[in-house]
Protein backbone atom coordinates (compact mmCIF):
# COMPACT_ATOMS: atom_id res chain seq x y z
CA MET A 1 -154.98 -161.22 1.95
CA ASP A 2 -153.59 -159.18 -0.93
CA THR A 3 -153.34 -161.99 -3.47
CA GLU A 4 -155.84 -164.79 -3.81
CA GLY A 5 -154.19 -168.13 -3.11
CA SER A 6 -151.01 -166.65 -1.58
CA TRP A 7 -151.68 -168.57 1.65
CA ARG A 8 -151.40 -171.97 0.01
CA THR A 9 -148.72 -174.49 0.89
CA GLU A 10 -149.47 -176.64 -2.19
CA ASP A 11 -150.00 -175.62 -5.80
CA THR A 12 -153.14 -177.66 -6.39
CA LEU A 13 -155.87 -179.46 -4.56
CA ASN A 14 -154.69 -182.85 -3.27
CA LEU A 15 -157.43 -185.16 -4.56
CA GLU A 16 -156.06 -188.26 -2.84
CA ALA A 17 -155.92 -186.47 0.52
CA LEU A 18 -159.45 -185.17 -0.01
CA GLN A 19 -160.77 -188.62 -0.95
CA ASN A 20 -159.15 -190.19 2.13
CA PHE A 21 -160.09 -187.39 4.51
CA ARG A 22 -162.21 -188.52 7.46
CA PHE A 23 -164.14 -186.22 9.74
CA GLU A 24 -164.41 -186.81 13.44
CA PRO A 25 -168.05 -187.00 14.59
CA VAL A 26 -169.29 -183.64 15.88
CA SER A 27 -171.71 -183.45 18.82
CA GLN A 28 -173.66 -180.46 20.05
CA THR A 29 -176.05 -180.01 22.92
CA CYS A 30 -178.77 -177.74 21.63
CA THR A 31 -180.75 -175.84 24.23
CA ARG A 32 -184.20 -174.31 23.92
CA ARG A 33 -182.45 -170.95 23.84
CA ASP A 34 -180.44 -172.05 20.78
CA THR A 35 -183.63 -173.15 19.03
CA MET A 36 -185.37 -169.85 19.75
CA LEU A 37 -182.31 -167.81 18.73
CA TYR A 38 -182.13 -169.60 15.39
CA ALA A 39 -185.80 -168.85 14.73
CA LEU A 40 -185.37 -165.19 15.72
CA GLY A 41 -182.54 -164.99 13.19
CA LEU A 42 -185.09 -166.00 10.51
CA GLY A 43 -187.47 -163.25 11.65
CA TYR A 44 -189.95 -165.41 13.53
CA GLY A 45 -191.90 -163.42 16.10
CA SER A 46 -192.45 -160.45 13.79
CA ASP A 47 -196.17 -160.94 14.48
CA PRO A 48 -196.42 -161.69 18.21
CA LEU A 49 -200.14 -162.58 17.82
CA ASP A 50 -199.47 -165.31 15.25
CA PRO A 51 -199.32 -168.68 17.09
CA SER A 52 -197.64 -170.34 14.11
CA GLN A 53 -194.69 -167.96 14.66
CA LEU A 54 -194.80 -167.95 18.45
CA ASN A 55 -194.35 -171.71 18.63
CA PHE A 56 -190.80 -171.30 17.29
CA VAL A 57 -189.72 -168.57 19.72
CA TYR A 58 -191.63 -169.23 22.96
CA GLU A 59 -191.14 -172.06 25.42
CA PRO A 60 -194.59 -173.64 26.14
CA ASP A 61 -195.00 -175.45 22.78
CA LEU A 62 -191.54 -174.84 21.35
CA ARG A 63 -190.70 -176.42 18.00
CA ALA A 64 -187.54 -176.34 15.93
CA VAL A 65 -187.52 -174.89 12.42
CA PRO A 66 -186.50 -177.89 10.26
CA SER A 67 -183.69 -175.98 8.52
CA ILE A 68 -181.82 -175.76 11.85
CA CYS A 69 -180.40 -179.15 10.81
CA CYS A 70 -178.08 -177.23 8.46
CA VAL A 71 -176.29 -175.44 11.32
CA LEU A 72 -176.34 -178.01 14.14
CA ALA A 73 -173.04 -179.77 14.94
CA HIS A 74 -171.01 -177.77 12.42
CA PRO A 75 -167.51 -179.19 11.67
CA GLY A 76 -165.74 -175.81 11.50
CA PHE A 77 -163.89 -174.50 8.47
CA TRP A 78 -162.24 -177.81 7.57
CA ALA A 79 -161.50 -176.63 3.99
CA LYS A 80 -158.60 -174.54 5.34
CA ARG A 81 -156.61 -177.66 6.30
CA PRO A 82 -153.30 -177.27 4.44
CA GLU A 83 -152.90 -180.96 3.52
CA LEU A 84 -156.03 -180.76 1.35
CA GLY A 85 -154.67 -177.92 -0.78
CA ILE A 86 -158.08 -176.34 -1.34
CA ASP A 87 -158.05 -172.74 -2.54
CA TRP A 88 -160.46 -171.89 0.25
CA VAL A 89 -160.29 -168.14 -0.41
CA ARG A 90 -162.24 -168.74 -3.62
CA LEU A 91 -164.65 -171.35 -2.25
CA LEU A 92 -168.37 -170.61 -2.70
CA HIS A 93 -171.41 -172.33 -1.19
CA GLY A 94 -173.37 -173.24 -4.30
CA GLU A 95 -176.34 -175.38 -3.23
CA GLN A 96 -177.92 -176.76 -0.07
CA SER A 97 -180.52 -179.42 0.62
CA PHE A 98 -181.89 -181.29 3.60
CA GLU A 99 -184.21 -184.23 4.16
CA ILE A 100 -185.93 -184.64 7.51
CA HIS A 101 -186.31 -188.26 8.67
CA ASN A 102 -187.63 -187.50 12.16
CA PRO A 103 -188.61 -184.16 13.72
CA ILE A 104 -185.67 -182.11 15.00
CA PRO A 105 -186.07 -181.84 18.79
CA ALA A 106 -186.27 -178.39 20.36
CA GLU A 107 -183.50 -179.37 22.77
CA GLY A 108 -181.08 -182.23 23.27
CA THR A 109 -177.74 -183.59 22.08
CA VAL A 110 -177.21 -184.34 18.41
CA THR A 111 -174.27 -185.88 16.55
CA ALA A 112 -173.24 -185.24 12.96
CA ASN A 113 -171.18 -187.48 10.73
CA TYR A 114 -169.68 -185.90 7.61
CA GLU A 115 -168.45 -187.38 4.36
CA ILE A 116 -167.06 -185.92 1.14
CA SER A 117 -169.09 -188.02 -1.27
CA ALA A 118 -167.81 -186.70 -4.60
CA VAL A 119 -165.66 -184.16 -6.42
CA ALA A 120 -166.52 -183.23 -10.00
CA ASP A 121 -163.70 -181.56 -11.93
CA LYS A 122 -164.96 -179.03 -14.47
CA GLY A 123 -161.50 -178.54 -16.01
CA ALA A 124 -158.46 -176.31 -15.59
CA GLY A 125 -159.54 -172.73 -15.00
CA LYS A 126 -163.18 -173.77 -14.58
CA GLY A 127 -163.18 -174.95 -10.98
CA ALA A 128 -164.48 -178.11 -9.31
CA ILE A 129 -167.63 -179.07 -7.44
CA LEU A 130 -167.41 -180.77 -4.04
CA HIS A 131 -170.34 -182.65 -2.51
CA LEU A 132 -170.47 -182.84 1.29
CA VAL A 133 -173.01 -185.03 3.12
CA LYS A 134 -173.96 -184.68 6.78
CA THR A 135 -176.02 -187.25 8.67
CA LEU A 136 -177.57 -185.85 11.84
CA ASN A 137 -178.69 -188.16 14.66
CA ASP A 138 -179.72 -188.01 18.26
CA ALA A 139 -179.63 -190.89 20.76
CA SER A 140 -182.84 -192.44 19.47
CA ALA A 141 -183.18 -191.73 15.75
CA LYS A 142 -181.74 -190.51 12.48
CA LEU A 143 -182.93 -186.92 12.20
CA ALA A 144 -181.75 -185.52 8.88
CA THR A 145 -179.50 -185.87 5.86
CA VAL A 146 -177.97 -182.56 4.81
CA ARG A 147 -176.15 -182.04 1.52
CA SER A 148 -173.91 -179.10 0.65
CA VAL A 149 -172.50 -178.35 -2.79
CA LEU A 150 -169.31 -176.28 -2.69
CA PHE A 151 -167.87 -174.57 -5.76
CA LEU A 152 -164.06 -174.70 -5.61
CA ARG A 153 -163.40 -171.91 -8.09
CA GLY A 154 -159.62 -172.16 -7.86
CA ASP A 155 -159.26 -175.94 -8.14
CA GLY A 156 -160.19 -176.92 -11.69
CA GLY A 157 -158.04 -179.65 -13.21
CA CYS A 158 -157.78 -181.53 -9.91
CA GLY A 159 -159.56 -184.74 -11.01
CA SER A 160 -162.82 -186.34 -9.91
CA PHE A 161 -164.17 -189.15 -7.75
CA GLY A 162 -167.50 -190.43 -6.44
CA THR A 163 -171.00 -190.34 -7.86
CA VAL A 164 -172.39 -186.86 -8.48
CA PRO A 165 -176.13 -186.40 -7.76
CA ALA A 166 -178.37 -185.31 -10.60
CA GLU A 167 -178.47 -181.56 -11.13
CA ILE A 168 -181.51 -179.66 -9.90
CA PRO A 169 -183.62 -178.85 -13.01
CA PRO A 170 -184.34 -175.20 -13.82
CA LEU A 171 -187.67 -173.56 -13.10
CA SER A 172 -190.14 -172.56 -15.77
CA GLU A 173 -190.73 -168.90 -16.50
CA ASP A 174 -194.44 -169.18 -15.70
CA ASN A 175 -196.01 -166.89 -13.13
CA PRO A 176 -195.84 -168.31 -9.59
CA SER A 177 -198.97 -169.85 -8.11
CA ARG A 178 -198.26 -168.23 -4.74
CA THR A 179 -195.81 -165.73 -3.26
CA THR A 180 -194.79 -165.03 0.34
CA ASP A 181 -192.92 -161.90 1.40
CA ILE A 182 -190.74 -161.85 4.53
CA THR A 183 -188.85 -158.68 5.41
CA THR A 184 -185.49 -159.14 7.08
CA LEU A 185 -184.22 -156.81 9.78
CA PRO A 186 -181.19 -154.55 9.33
CA GLN A 187 -179.62 -156.58 12.17
CA SER A 188 -180.69 -159.99 10.80
CA ALA A 189 -177.13 -161.10 10.02
CA LEU A 190 -175.95 -160.05 13.48
CA LEU A 191 -178.71 -162.20 15.01
CA TYR A 192 -178.23 -165.17 12.70
CA ARG A 193 -174.44 -165.35 13.20
CA LEU A 194 -175.07 -166.25 16.84
CA SER A 195 -176.25 -169.65 15.55
CA GLY A 196 -172.66 -170.47 14.66
CA ASP A 197 -171.38 -168.77 11.49
CA TYR A 198 -169.08 -165.97 12.60
CA ASN A 199 -167.60 -165.11 9.20
CA PRO A 200 -166.86 -161.37 9.49
CA ILE A 201 -168.34 -160.54 6.06
CA HIS A 202 -171.74 -160.81 7.78
CA ALA A 203 -170.89 -158.21 10.45
CA ASP A 204 -167.82 -156.14 9.60
CA PRO A 205 -168.18 -153.55 6.80
CA GLY A 206 -164.43 -153.62 6.23
CA ALA A 207 -164.33 -157.40 5.82
CA ALA A 208 -167.35 -157.26 3.52
CA ALA A 209 -165.67 -154.62 1.36
CA LYS A 210 -162.51 -156.74 1.02
CA ALA A 211 -164.73 -159.60 -0.18
CA GLY A 212 -166.26 -157.33 -2.83
CA PHE A 213 -169.55 -156.39 -1.13
CA GLU A 214 -170.77 -152.86 -0.53
CA ARG A 215 -171.85 -153.81 2.99
CA PRO A 216 -172.22 -156.95 5.16
CA ILE A 217 -174.37 -159.64 3.57
CA LEU A 218 -176.89 -162.06 5.00
CA HIS A 219 -175.81 -165.68 5.41
CA GLY A 220 -176.93 -167.88 2.54
CA LEU A 221 -178.24 -170.45 5.02
CA CYS A 222 -180.31 -167.70 6.64
CA THR A 223 -181.92 -167.02 3.26
CA LEU A 224 -182.56 -170.77 2.94
CA GLY A 225 -184.10 -170.76 6.42
CA ILE A 226 -186.39 -167.89 5.43
CA ALA A 227 -187.51 -169.88 2.38
CA THR A 228 -188.20 -172.79 4.76
CA ARG A 229 -190.28 -170.43 6.91
CA ALA A 230 -192.21 -169.28 3.83
CA ALA A 231 -192.88 -172.88 2.76
CA LEU A 232 -194.16 -173.85 6.21
CA ALA A 233 -196.44 -170.81 6.36
CA SER A 234 -197.75 -171.22 2.80
CA PHE A 235 -198.29 -174.97 2.56
CA ALA A 236 -197.97 -176.64 5.97
CA ASP A 237 -199.99 -174.42 8.34
CA GLY A 238 -196.74 -173.66 10.16
CA MET A 239 -196.29 -177.30 11.20
CA PRO A 240 -192.62 -178.34 10.91
CA GLU A 241 -193.46 -182.06 10.98
CA ARG A 242 -195.11 -181.65 7.56
CA LEU A 243 -191.82 -180.75 5.83
CA ARG A 244 -190.00 -183.70 4.30
CA SER A 245 -187.25 -181.99 2.27
CA LEU A 246 -186.09 -178.69 0.83
CA SER A 247 -183.31 -177.73 -1.58
CA ALA A 248 -182.12 -174.64 -3.43
CA ARG A 249 -179.24 -173.10 -5.32
CA PHE A 250 -177.64 -169.90 -4.02
CA SER A 251 -177.54 -167.36 -6.82
CA LYS A 252 -177.02 -163.88 -5.30
CA PRO A 253 -176.39 -162.46 -1.81
CA VAL A 254 -179.04 -160.72 0.30
CA PHE A 255 -178.41 -157.50 2.22
CA PRO A 256 -179.95 -157.37 5.71
CA GLY A 257 -183.10 -155.27 5.71
CA GLU A 258 -184.26 -156.46 2.29
CA THR A 259 -187.58 -158.19 1.68
CA ILE A 260 -187.31 -161.76 0.44
CA ARG A 261 -190.18 -162.82 -1.80
CA THR A 262 -190.45 -166.59 -2.17
CA GLU A 263 -192.24 -167.48 -5.42
CA PHE A 264 -193.84 -170.92 -5.37
CA PHE A 265 -194.81 -173.13 -8.32
CA ALA A 266 -196.99 -176.01 -7.13
CA THR A 267 -196.98 -179.06 -9.42
CA GLY A 268 -198.55 -182.19 -8.01
CA ASP A 269 -196.81 -183.48 -4.90
CA GLN A 270 -193.73 -181.31 -5.39
CA ILE A 271 -193.49 -177.57 -4.89
CA ARG A 272 -190.80 -175.64 -6.73
CA PHE A 273 -189.68 -172.17 -5.74
CA ARG A 274 -187.28 -169.31 -6.23
CA ALA A 275 -186.66 -166.34 -3.95
CA ARG A 276 -185.80 -162.78 -4.86
CA ALA A 277 -184.71 -159.62 -3.07
CA VAL A 278 -187.69 -157.41 -3.81
CA GLU A 279 -185.93 -154.04 -3.54
CA ARG A 280 -183.35 -154.97 -6.21
CA ASP A 281 -185.52 -157.48 -8.12
CA VAL A 282 -182.67 -159.98 -7.97
CA VAL A 283 -183.11 -163.76 -7.67
CA VAL A 284 -181.19 -164.89 -4.57
CA LEU A 285 -182.30 -168.54 -4.41
CA ASP A 286 -183.05 -170.54 -7.55
CA ARG A 287 -184.12 -174.04 -8.58
CA GLY A 288 -185.75 -174.61 -5.20
CA ALA A 289 -187.83 -177.68 -4.36
CA VAL A 290 -190.00 -178.63 -1.38
CA THR A 291 -191.67 -181.93 -0.57
CA LEU A 292 -194.27 -182.32 2.17
CA ARG A 293 -195.70 -185.17 4.18
CA ARG A 294 -199.41 -185.65 3.75
């Protein structure tokens, strides 16, 4: 598209349509292959002698990485619906969080229900913040609550509704109590996209260039999954059932092949973190938080 927003059929976001918008439930049958492919996209299996990695990519004692809840039963790119009037070309994924209520099964059918819980208008020319909530269930239990914060850069002045959650507090500038380095593969984005996000900016150099990137970038949710992997390895002995919740703010993109260093700050029962691309010394996830089950 040559001009941002030239696709739009309405001049502004339609707040009433957005507030009244209802998603159809989305179901997905997840196979063991899907579970293993997701974990491979996060780099699990890099040490084939490490049983805490092998359990996520090999059948006998297969477990799901908790962050898979973010990609299961995806609703598609609903923000492009013309009646909503969202300037989707300028939409950014700002924050992501998930809370695990029951362990995600390695295989089976899950159903997601979505709700737009709030829109916070920052003012004309300043954008708006949309809060999307997903509840993930299987036939027997509630599995996870997943929250996405979307920055609608082109929709300031649209008005607000709903109750906005408290903002994630910033991290201190103290030295981290622990760090974990995980090196991504040059083909990490090509692997991860097979879990459902086929946006061409993660595969096609031409599409990435049009979006303003020098080369294809890694999915933000892949970076979040790698931080989940680092938290499990550092504080939970690789046991996914120990993880209660995780959240972070996306601050900069990652290029496949870079090393992601997750810097942890342990304070009581809560663990805070940020993640940086080591080669460029750039923070790529910020204001992170992890809670564990005892």
